Each structure stands twice: as C-alpha cells, then as structure tokens.
Amino acid sequence: MTSNIDSIKVEISVVLGRSVIPMHQLLRMGRGAVIELDSHQDDAVTILANDKPVAKGEIQIHGDKIAVAVVELLPNYD
C-alpha cells in the first residue's frame, strides 16, 4: 500500500553563493561563461526546500561527484 506522502514533490536547491552583475553583461555571456561567486569551497551552503531555507550544509567532493552533507537543520518558520 502506498501512502499519500509518496506523491508529494519537493524541489531541493543548494545556494553556493551569490553574485550581482549588470544585465548587459549577463546578456553577453555564452556557454562556458564563469560567474564569480562571493563564497569559497569551504563555506557553508544553504539548502532550500521549495525555495525556503531548511538546512545548512557543506560541499563534499568524491572523485567526479559533488555532494552536499547536511550539518545543521534550521528552525521551522511559517
């Protein structure tokens, strides 16, 4: 028997950093363009569920795979 919770979809996103660039520069960017972020590999990342922050994590690199390990759950705000 399948429960209703199996049909709920949640979008998970990870915020590595942020950058502000002018629109004209964004429009000129092509494939392979690099956008410099305000963070480093060792900085904590924010994990979002449906665009709401739910946890802090850290980047882990294993060979050619990149993962995010959850290190702290954030308080639940409505």
N, C-alpha and C. Protein backbone atom coordinates (compact mmCIF):
# COMPACT_ATOMS: atom_id res chain seq x y z
N MET A 1 0.85 -1.18 0.00
CA MET A 1 0.00 0.00 0.00
C MET A 1 0.89 1.24 0.00
N THR A 2 0.59 2.20 -0.87
CA THR A 2 1.36 3.43 -0.98
C THR A 2 0.66 4.52 -0.20
N SER A 3 1.45 5.27 0.60
CA SER A 3 0.85 6.36 1.36
C SER A 3 0.81 7.63 0.51
N ASN A 4 0.02 8.59 0.92
CA ASN A 4 -0.09 9.86 0.21
C ASN A 4 1.22 10.64 0.20
N ILE A 5 2.05 10.41 1.17
CA ILE A 5 3.31 11.15 1.24
C ILE A 5 4.24 10.80 0.08
N ASP A 6 4.06 9.62 -0.50
CA ASP A 6 4.90 9.22 -1.63
C ASP A 6 4.64 10.07 -2.87
N SER A 7 3.51 10.74 -2.94
CA SER A 7 3.18 11.52 -4.13
C SER A 7 3.53 13.01 -3.98
N ILE A 8 4.04 13.42 -2.83
CA ILE A 8 4.40 14.82 -2.61
C ILE A 8 5.75 15.10 -3.24
N LYS A 9 5.81 16.16 -4.05
CA LYS A 9 7.05 16.54 -4.71
C LYS A 9 7.65 17.75 -3.99
N VAL A 10 8.96 17.69 -3.73
CA VAL A 10 9.68 18.77 -3.07
C VAL A 10 10.88 19.11 -3.93
N GLU A 11 11.03 20.40 -4.27
CA GLU A 11 12.20 20.85 -5.04
C GLU A 11 13.30 21.24 -4.06
N ILE A 12 14.45 20.60 -4.20
CA ILE A 12 15.60 20.88 -3.34
C ILE A 12 16.62 21.68 -4.13
N SER A 13 17.07 22.79 -3.56
CA SER A 13 18.09 23.64 -4.19
C SER A 13 19.19 23.88 -3.17
N VAL A 14 20.40 24.15 -3.67
CA VAL A 14 21.53 24.48 -2.82
C VAL A 14 22.11 25.80 -3.29
N VAL A 15 22.23 26.76 -2.37
CA VAL A 15 22.80 28.07 -2.69
C VAL A 15 24.26 28.06 -2.30
N LEU A 16 25.13 28.13 -3.33
CA LEU A 16 26.57 28.12 -3.10
C LEU A 16 27.11 29.52 -2.84
N GLY A 17 26.47 30.51 -3.39
CA GLY A 17 26.90 31.89 -3.25
C GLY A 17 26.04 32.77 -4.11
N ARG A 18 26.32 34.04 -4.09
CA ARG A 18 25.54 34.99 -4.88
C ARG A 18 26.48 35.93 -5.61
N SER A 19 25.96 36.51 -6.68
CA SER A 19 26.72 37.47 -7.45
C SER A 19 25.75 38.46 -8.08
N VAL A 20 26.16 39.71 -8.15
CA VAL A 20 25.35 40.74 -8.81
C VAL A 20 26.13 41.20 -10.03
N ILE A 21 25.48 41.08 -11.20
CA ILE A 21 26.12 41.51 -12.44
C ILE A 21 25.11 42.32 -13.24
N PRO A 22 25.59 43.29 -14.02
CA PRO A 22 24.68 44.09 -14.84
C PRO A 22 24.00 43.24 -15.91
N MET A 23 22.78 43.60 -16.26
CA MET A 23 22.01 42.85 -17.25
C MET A 23 22.74 42.77 -18.59
N HIS A 24 23.37 43.86 -19.03
CA HIS A 24 24.06 43.82 -20.32
C HIS A 24 25.20 42.81 -20.33
N GLN A 25 25.86 42.62 -19.17
CA GLN A 25 26.93 41.62 -19.07
C GLN A 25 26.34 40.21 -19.12
N LEU A 26 25.21 40.03 -18.45
CA LEU A 26 24.54 38.73 -18.45
C LEU A 26 24.11 38.34 -19.86
N LEU A 27 23.58 39.30 -20.61
CA LEU A 27 23.11 39.02 -21.96
C LEU A 27 24.26 38.66 -22.91
N ARG A 28 25.47 39.14 -22.63
CA ARG A 28 26.62 38.83 -23.48
C ARG A 28 27.27 37.49 -23.15
N MET A 29 26.90 36.88 -22.04
CA MET A 29 27.52 35.63 -21.63
C MET A 29 27.09 34.50 -22.54
N GLY A 30 28.01 33.64 -22.83
CA GLY A 30 27.72 32.47 -23.65
C GLY A 30 27.98 31.20 -22.87
N ARG A 31 27.86 30.11 -23.57
CA ARG A 31 28.11 28.80 -22.96
C ARG A 31 29.54 28.76 -22.42
N GLY A 32 29.71 28.27 -21.21
CA GLY A 32 31.03 28.16 -20.59
C GLY A 32 31.46 29.40 -19.85
N ALA A 33 30.63 30.44 -19.83
CA ALA A 33 30.96 31.65 -19.09
C ALA A 33 31.06 31.34 -17.60
N VAL A 34 31.91 32.04 -16.92
CA VAL A 34 32.12 31.83 -15.48
C VAL A 34 31.60 33.04 -14.73
N ILE A 35 30.76 32.80 -13.74
CA ILE A 35 30.26 33.86 -12.87
C ILE A 35 30.91 33.68 -11.51
N GLU A 36 31.66 34.67 -11.08
CA GLU A 36 32.36 34.60 -9.79
C GLU A 36 31.36 34.79 -8.66
N LEU A 37 31.42 33.92 -7.66
CA LEU A 37 30.52 33.98 -6.52
C LEU A 37 31.24 34.58 -5.32
N ASP A 38 30.47 35.00 -4.32
CA ASP A 38 31.03 35.60 -3.12
C ASP A 38 31.33 34.57 -2.03
N SER A 39 31.65 33.35 -2.41
CA SER A 39 31.92 32.31 -1.42
C SER A 39 33.08 31.43 -1.88
N HIS A 40 33.52 30.55 -0.97
CA HIS A 40 34.62 29.64 -1.25
C HIS A 40 34.14 28.20 -1.07
N GLN A 41 34.95 27.26 -1.51
CA GLN A 41 34.58 25.84 -1.44
C GLN A 41 34.28 25.40 -0.01
N ASP A 42 34.97 25.95 0.96
CA ASP A 42 34.80 25.52 2.35
C ASP A 42 33.66 26.24 3.08
N ASP A 43 33.03 27.23 2.44
CA ASP A 43 31.94 27.95 3.08
C ASP A 43 30.69 27.07 3.18
N ALA A 44 29.89 27.33 4.20
CA ALA A 44 28.62 26.61 4.34
C ALA A 44 27.68 27.01 3.21
N VAL A 45 26.84 26.08 2.79
CA VAL A 45 25.84 26.35 1.77
C VAL A 45 24.47 26.31 2.42
N THR A 46 23.50 26.96 1.80
CA THR A 46 22.12 26.94 2.30
C THR A 46 21.32 25.96 1.45
N ILE A 47 20.59 25.08 2.12
CA ILE A 47 19.76 24.10 1.43
C ILE A 47 18.31 24.59 1.51
N LEU A 48 17.67 24.69 0.33
CA LEU A 48 16.30 25.17 0.25
C LEU A 48 15.37 24.03 -0.14
N ALA A 49 14.19 24.02 0.44
CA ALA A 49 13.12 23.10 0.04
C ALA A 49 11.96 23.98 -0.41
N ASN A 50 11.60 23.88 -1.69
CA ASN A 50 10.56 24.74 -2.26
C ASN A 50 10.86 26.21 -1.97
N ASP A 51 12.12 26.61 -2.19
CA ASP A 51 12.60 27.99 -2.04
C ASP A 51 12.61 28.51 -0.61
N LYS A 52 12.49 27.63 0.38
CA LYS A 52 12.56 28.06 1.78
C LYS A 52 13.78 27.41 2.43
N PRO A 53 14.60 28.20 3.15
CA PRO A 53 15.79 27.63 3.80
C PRO A 53 15.40 26.61 4.86
N VAL A 54 15.97 25.41 4.77
CA VAL A 54 15.65 24.36 5.74
C VAL A 54 16.90 23.82 6.46
N ALA A 55 18.08 24.05 5.88
CA ALA A 55 19.28 23.48 6.49
C ALA A 55 20.53 24.20 5.98
N LYS A 56 21.63 23.98 6.70
CA LYS A 56 22.96 24.40 6.26
C LYS A 56 23.71 23.13 5.91
N GLY A 57 24.59 23.24 4.95
CA GLY A 57 25.34 22.06 4.54
C GLY A 57 26.76 22.41 4.15
N GLU A 58 27.50 21.39 3.80
CA GLU A 58 28.87 21.60 3.32
C GLU A 58 29.09 20.77 2.06
N ILE A 59 29.87 21.33 1.16
CA ILE A 59 30.18 20.67 -0.11
C ILE A 59 31.17 19.54 0.14
N GLN A 60 30.93 18.40 -0.46
CA GLN A 60 31.86 17.27 -0.40
C GLN A 60 32.12 16.81 -1.83
N ILE A 61 33.38 16.60 -2.14
CA ILE A 61 33.76 16.15 -3.48
C ILE A 61 34.36 14.76 -3.37
N HIS A 62 33.79 13.81 -4.13
CA HIS A 62 34.24 12.42 -4.15
C HIS A 62 34.52 12.05 -5.60
N GLY A 63 35.79 12.13 -6.02
CA GLY A 63 36.13 11.84 -7.41
C GLY A 63 35.51 12.88 -8.31
N ASP A 64 34.66 12.45 -9.24
CA ASP A 64 34.00 13.39 -10.15
C ASP A 64 32.57 13.72 -9.71
N LYS A 65 32.22 13.35 -8.47
CA LYS A 65 30.88 13.62 -7.94
C LYS A 65 30.94 14.71 -6.87
N ILE A 66 29.92 15.56 -6.86
CA ILE A 66 29.80 16.60 -5.85
C ILE A 66 28.55 16.31 -5.04
N ALA A 67 28.67 16.39 -3.72
CA ALA A 67 27.54 16.13 -2.83
C ALA A 67 27.45 17.26 -1.81
N VAL A 68 26.31 17.32 -1.14
CA VAL A 68 26.11 18.27 -0.05
C VAL A 68 25.73 17.47 1.19
N ALA A 69 26.50 17.64 2.27
CA ALA A 69 26.20 16.99 3.53
C ALA A 69 25.46 17.98 4.43
N VAL A 70 24.33 17.55 4.99
CA VAL A 70 23.56 18.40 5.91
C VAL A 70 24.29 18.44 7.24
N VAL A 71 24.59 19.66 7.73
CA VAL A 71 25.29 19.79 9.00
C VAL A 71 24.44 20.47 10.08
N GLU A 72 23.36 21.15 9.66
CA GLU A 72 22.51 21.83 10.63
C GLU A 72 21.11 22.02 10.04
N LEU A 73 20.09 21.62 10.79
CA LEU A 73 18.71 21.90 10.39
C LEU A 73 18.33 23.26 10.94
N LEU A 74 17.67 24.06 10.13
CA LEU A 74 17.26 25.39 10.57
C LEU A 74 15.90 25.32 11.23
N PRO A 75 15.61 26.26 12.15
CA PRO A 75 14.29 26.29 12.78
C PRO A 75 13.20 26.45 11.72
N ASN A 76 12.05 25.90 11.97
CA ASN A 76 10.94 25.95 11.01
C ASN A 76 10.13 27.22 11.25
N TYR A 77 10.19 28.15 10.27
CA TYR A 77 9.41 29.38 10.35
C TYR A 77 8.28 29.33 9.34
N ASP A 78 7.11 29.78 9.71
CA ASP A 78 5.97 29.81 8.80
C ASP A 78 5.77 31.22 8.28
